[in-house]
Amino acid sequence: MSLPSSSPASAAAPASASTAAPTQAELLDFVRRAAADAELIASLPLDPEGRTWVRLAGPGGSEAWLIGWPPGTGTGWHDHADSVGAFVTAAGELKENALAARLPTDGWKTLELNDGVDRERRLTAGKGRAFGRHHVHEVLNESADRHAVSVHAYYPPLPQIRRYSRSGQTLRLEQVERPQDWQ
C-alpha cells in the first residue's frame, strides 16, 4: 500500500494485547475485523479530491491505516520493503495489480519483466489479501462515482516504500520514501 497523499484525520482502533510479531494471517484477521466495524468505517472523513486516512493501532506493534479512496484514485506501483502486510476493502471496490515475481531488493534501477507475471484482483467489500515482503503492486479505485474505503496493516512498521514506474514490461525504480516523508 502506498500511504495517502492528503492530510490524516485522528482516530485509533484498540491495540492488541499481543507483543509478538504478528503473522500475515494475524494482520489479515485484524484488517478484516476493522473493515467490518461500521462505526470505524463511518468515522473516516471522505474528500472528493484526494485520499484521506486515519492511523490505527495495529496488532503487535504493526502499522495500520484506514484509507478513503475517491473515484479514480490509486497508489501507483510500489512495494513495502521488508514489511509483510494485509488489506481488506471495507466499502466500494478496489483493484489490485500485482507482480507474481520476486524482484531483487537492491542494486537495480530498471528491470525487464517476464511475460505472465501480472496478476489482477478485484476486491469488493469484505475481500482482501495478505502479502509477503517485497510485494510489488498498485491499488486502484476505478469507480467513476463511488468512494472506496480499505484497512491496511504492515509489520514491521514501514521502513520505506519504493515507488516504480511501468511501461509495458519495463519496471523502473523512481523513488524511495521513508516514514518522515508520509507521516
Protein backbone atom coordinates (compact mmCIF):
# COMPACT_ATOMS: atom_id res chain seq x y z
CA MET A 1 0.00 0.00 0.00
CA SER A 2 1.08 3.43 -0.57
CA LEU A 3 0.29 5.83 2.14
CA PRO A 4 -2.21 8.54 1.35
CA SER A 5 -1.44 11.87 -0.19
CA SER A 6 -3.73 14.12 1.83
CA SER A 7 -3.97 15.11 5.47
CA PRO A 8 -4.77 12.45 8.07
CA ALA A 9 -7.68 12.55 10.47
CA SER A 10 -7.34 11.49 14.09
CA ALA A 11 -8.68 8.14 15.33
CA ALA A 12 -7.42 4.84 16.65
CA ALA A 13 -8.60 1.28 16.92
CA PRO A 14 -7.97 -0.74 20.07
CA ALA A 15 -4.42 -2.06 20.39
CA SER A 16 -3.80 -5.78 20.63
CA ALA A 17 -2.53 -7.17 23.91
CA SER A 18 -0.08 -9.36 21.98
CA THR A 19 3.54 -8.23 21.87
CA ALA A 20 4.82 -10.93 19.50
CA ALA A 21 5.39 -10.01 15.86
CA PRO A 22 2.09 -10.54 14.07
CA THR A 23 1.94 -13.02 11.20
CA GLN A 24 0.39 -12.29 7.80
CA ALA A 25 -2.67 -14.26 8.93
CA GLU A 26 -2.99 -12.16 12.10
CA LEU A 27 -2.66 -8.95 10.09
CA LEU A 28 -5.35 -10.18 7.70
CA ASP A 29 -7.61 -11.07 10.64
CA PHE A 30 -7.10 -7.59 12.11
CA VAL A 31 -7.91 -5.75 8.87
CA ARG A 32 -10.98 -7.95 8.32
CA ARG A 33 -12.29 -7.16 11.81
CA ALA A 34 -11.58 -3.44 11.39
CA ALA A 35 -13.22 -3.38 7.93
CA ALA A 36 -16.35 -4.96 9.45
CA ASP A 37 -16.58 -2.22 12.12
CA ALA A 38 -19.28 0.01 10.61
CA GLU A 39 -18.73 2.75 13.19
CA LEU A 40 -14.99 2.91 12.44
CA ILE A 41 -15.57 2.98 8.67
CA ALA A 42 -18.22 5.72 9.00
CA SER A 43 -15.79 7.83 11.09
CA LEU A 44 -13.42 8.34 8.14
CA PRO A 45 -13.89 11.75 6.56
CA LEU A 46 -14.05 11.40 2.78
CA ASP A 47 -12.64 14.04 0.43
CA PRO A 48 -13.85 14.17 -3.19
CA GLU A 49 -10.39 15.28 -4.39
CA GLY A 50 -7.80 13.21 -2.53
CA ARG A 51 -7.31 10.18 -0.36
CA THR A 52 -7.91 10.54 3.37
CA TRP A 53 -6.60 8.34 6.11
CA VAL A 54 -6.63 7.59 9.80
CA ARG A 55 -3.79 5.78 11.53
CA LEU A 56 -4.95 2.81 13.59
CA ALA A 57 -3.27 0.89 16.40
CA GLY A 58 -2.45 -2.43 14.74
CA PRO A 59 -1.73 -5.72 16.48
CA GLY A 60 1.70 -6.45 17.97
CA GLY A 61 3.19 -3.08 17.11
CA SER A 62 2.16 -3.18 13.46
CA GLU A 63 1.36 -0.07 11.46
CA ALA A 64 -2.27 0.15 10.34
CA TRP A 65 -4.31 2.60 8.28
CA LEU A 66 -7.93 3.24 7.38
CA ILE A 67 -7.94 4.81 3.91
CA GLY A 68 -10.61 6.56 1.82
CA TRP A 69 -10.20 6.43 -1.97
CA PRO A 70 -12.11 8.95 -4.11
CA PRO A 71 -13.26 7.76 -7.53
CA GLY A 72 -10.40 7.35 -9.99
CA THR A 73 -7.53 7.35 -7.47
CA GLY A 74 -4.70 4.89 -6.99
CA THR A 75 -1.29 4.34 -5.49
CA GLY A 76 0.94 3.76 -8.49
CA TRP A 77 3.35 0.81 -8.49
CA HIS A 78 5.19 0.36 -5.17
CA ASP A 79 6.37 -2.12 -2.56
CA HIS A 80 6.64 -2.11 1.23
CA ALA A 81 10.28 -3.19 1.51
CA ASP A 82 10.83 -5.68 4.34
CA SER A 83 7.30 -5.46 5.75
CA VAL A 84 4.60 -8.10 5.38
CA GLY A 85 1.07 -6.82 5.13
CA ALA A 86 -2.62 -7.27 4.54
CA PHE A 87 -5.51 -5.16 3.36
CA VAL A 88 -9.28 -5.52 3.04
CA THR A 89 -11.80 -3.39 1.20
CA ALA A 90 -14.41 -2.12 3.67
CA ALA A 91 -16.65 -0.27 1.18
CA GLY A 92 -16.77 0.01 -2.59
CA GLU A 93 -14.34 -1.94 -4.75
CA LEU A 94 -10.58 -1.80 -5.23
CA LYS A 95 -8.48 -3.36 -7.95
CA GLU A 96 -5.00 -4.67 -7.19
CA ASN A 97 -2.48 -5.20 -9.96
CA ALA A 98 0.49 -7.18 -8.66
CA LEU A 99 3.63 -8.88 -9.89
CA ALA A 100 3.94 -12.61 -9.22
CA ALA A 101 7.73 -12.42 -9.24
CA ARG A 102 10.40 -11.89 -6.62
CA LEU A 103 12.41 -8.82 -7.58
CA PRO A 104 15.94 -8.07 -6.44
CA THR A 105 15.77 -5.76 -3.43
CA ASP A 106 18.75 -3.54 -4.24
CA GLY A 107 21.25 -2.68 -6.94
CA TRP A 108 18.94 -2.02 -9.89
CA LYS A 109 17.08 0.89 -11.48
CA THR A 110 15.37 -0.83 -14.43
CA LEU A 111 14.10 -4.39 -14.90
CA GLU A 112 12.53 -6.17 -17.85
CA LEU A 113 9.64 -8.28 -16.53
CA ASN A 114 8.90 -11.72 -17.92
CA ASP A 115 5.58 -12.46 -19.57
CA GLY A 116 2.98 -13.97 -17.25
CA VAL A 117 3.99 -12.14 -14.04
CA ASP A 118 0.94 -9.88 -13.91
CA ARG A 119 -1.91 -10.67 -11.52
CA GLU A 120 -5.17 -8.76 -11.13
CA ARG A 121 -7.61 -8.97 -8.22
CA ARG A 122 -10.94 -7.22 -7.79
CA LEU A 123 -11.63 -6.73 -4.10
CA THR A 124 -15.22 -5.87 -3.19
CA ALA A 125 -16.32 -5.03 0.35
CA GLY A 126 -15.13 -7.71 2.77
CA LYS A 127 -12.49 -9.08 0.37
CA GLY A 128 -8.77 -8.70 0.89
CA ARG A 129 -5.42 -10.39 0.98
CA ALA A 130 -2.17 -10.78 2.83
CA PHE A 131 1.23 -10.45 1.17
CA GLY A 132 4.88 -11.04 1.91
CA ARG A 133 7.99 -8.91 1.86
CA HIS A 134 8.89 -7.01 -1.32
CA HIS A 135 5.38 -7.46 -2.80
CA VAL A 136 5.13 -5.09 -5.78
CA HIS A 137 1.64 -3.85 -6.60
CA GLU A 138 -0.66 -0.93 -7.28
CA VAL A 139 -4.12 -0.40 -5.79
CA LEU A 140 -6.85 1.49 -7.66
CA ASN A 141 -10.40 2.70 -7.19
CA GLU A 142 -11.60 2.55 -10.79
CA SER A 143 -15.13 3.66 -9.97
CA ALA A 144 -16.22 6.82 -11.75
CA ASP A 145 -18.60 7.88 -8.99
CA ARG A 146 -18.07 5.94 -5.75
CA HIS A 147 -15.58 6.18 -2.91
CA ALA A 148 -13.89 3.04 -1.66
CA VAL A 149 -12.60 2.52 1.89
CA SER A 150 -9.99 -0.01 2.97
CA VAL A 151 -7.98 -1.09 6.01
CA HIS A 152 -4.23 -1.89 5.75
CA ALA A 153 -1.68 -3.27 8.24
CA TYR A 154 2.09 -3.83 7.98
CA TYR A 155 4.75 -5.40 10.14
CA PRO A 156 7.31 -4.28 10.88
CA PRO A 157 6.09 -0.69 10.58
CA LEU A 158 7.03 0.51 7.11
CA PRO A 159 10.79 1.22 6.95
CA GLN A 160 10.42 2.54 3.41
CA ILE A 161 8.27 2.42 0.30
CA ARG A 162 9.86 2.05 -3.10
CA ARG A 163 7.89 3.65 -5.94
CA TYR A 164 8.12 2.42 -9.51
CA SER A 165 7.00 3.49 -12.97
CA ARG A 166 5.96 0.91 -15.50
CA SER A 167 5.90 0.99 -19.27
CA GLY A 168 4.93 -2.35 -20.83
CA GLN A 169 7.27 -4.96 -19.37
CA THR A 170 9.78 -2.38 -18.10
CA LEU A 171 9.71 -1.56 -14.38
CA ARG A 172 11.82 1.37 -13.20
CA LEU A 173 12.66 2.37 -9.62
CA GLU A 174 11.76 6.06 -9.33
CA GLN A 175 11.85 6.97 -5.66
CA VAL A 176 12.46 5.60 -2.16
CA GLU A 177 10.30 7.14 0.57
CA ARG A 178 10.99 6.90 4.30
CA PRO A 179 8.45 7.31 7.14
CA GLN A 180 9.25 11.00 7.59
CA ASP A 181 8.04 11.52 4.00
CA TRP A 182 4.46 10.45 4.75
CA GLN A 183 3.83 10.91 8.48
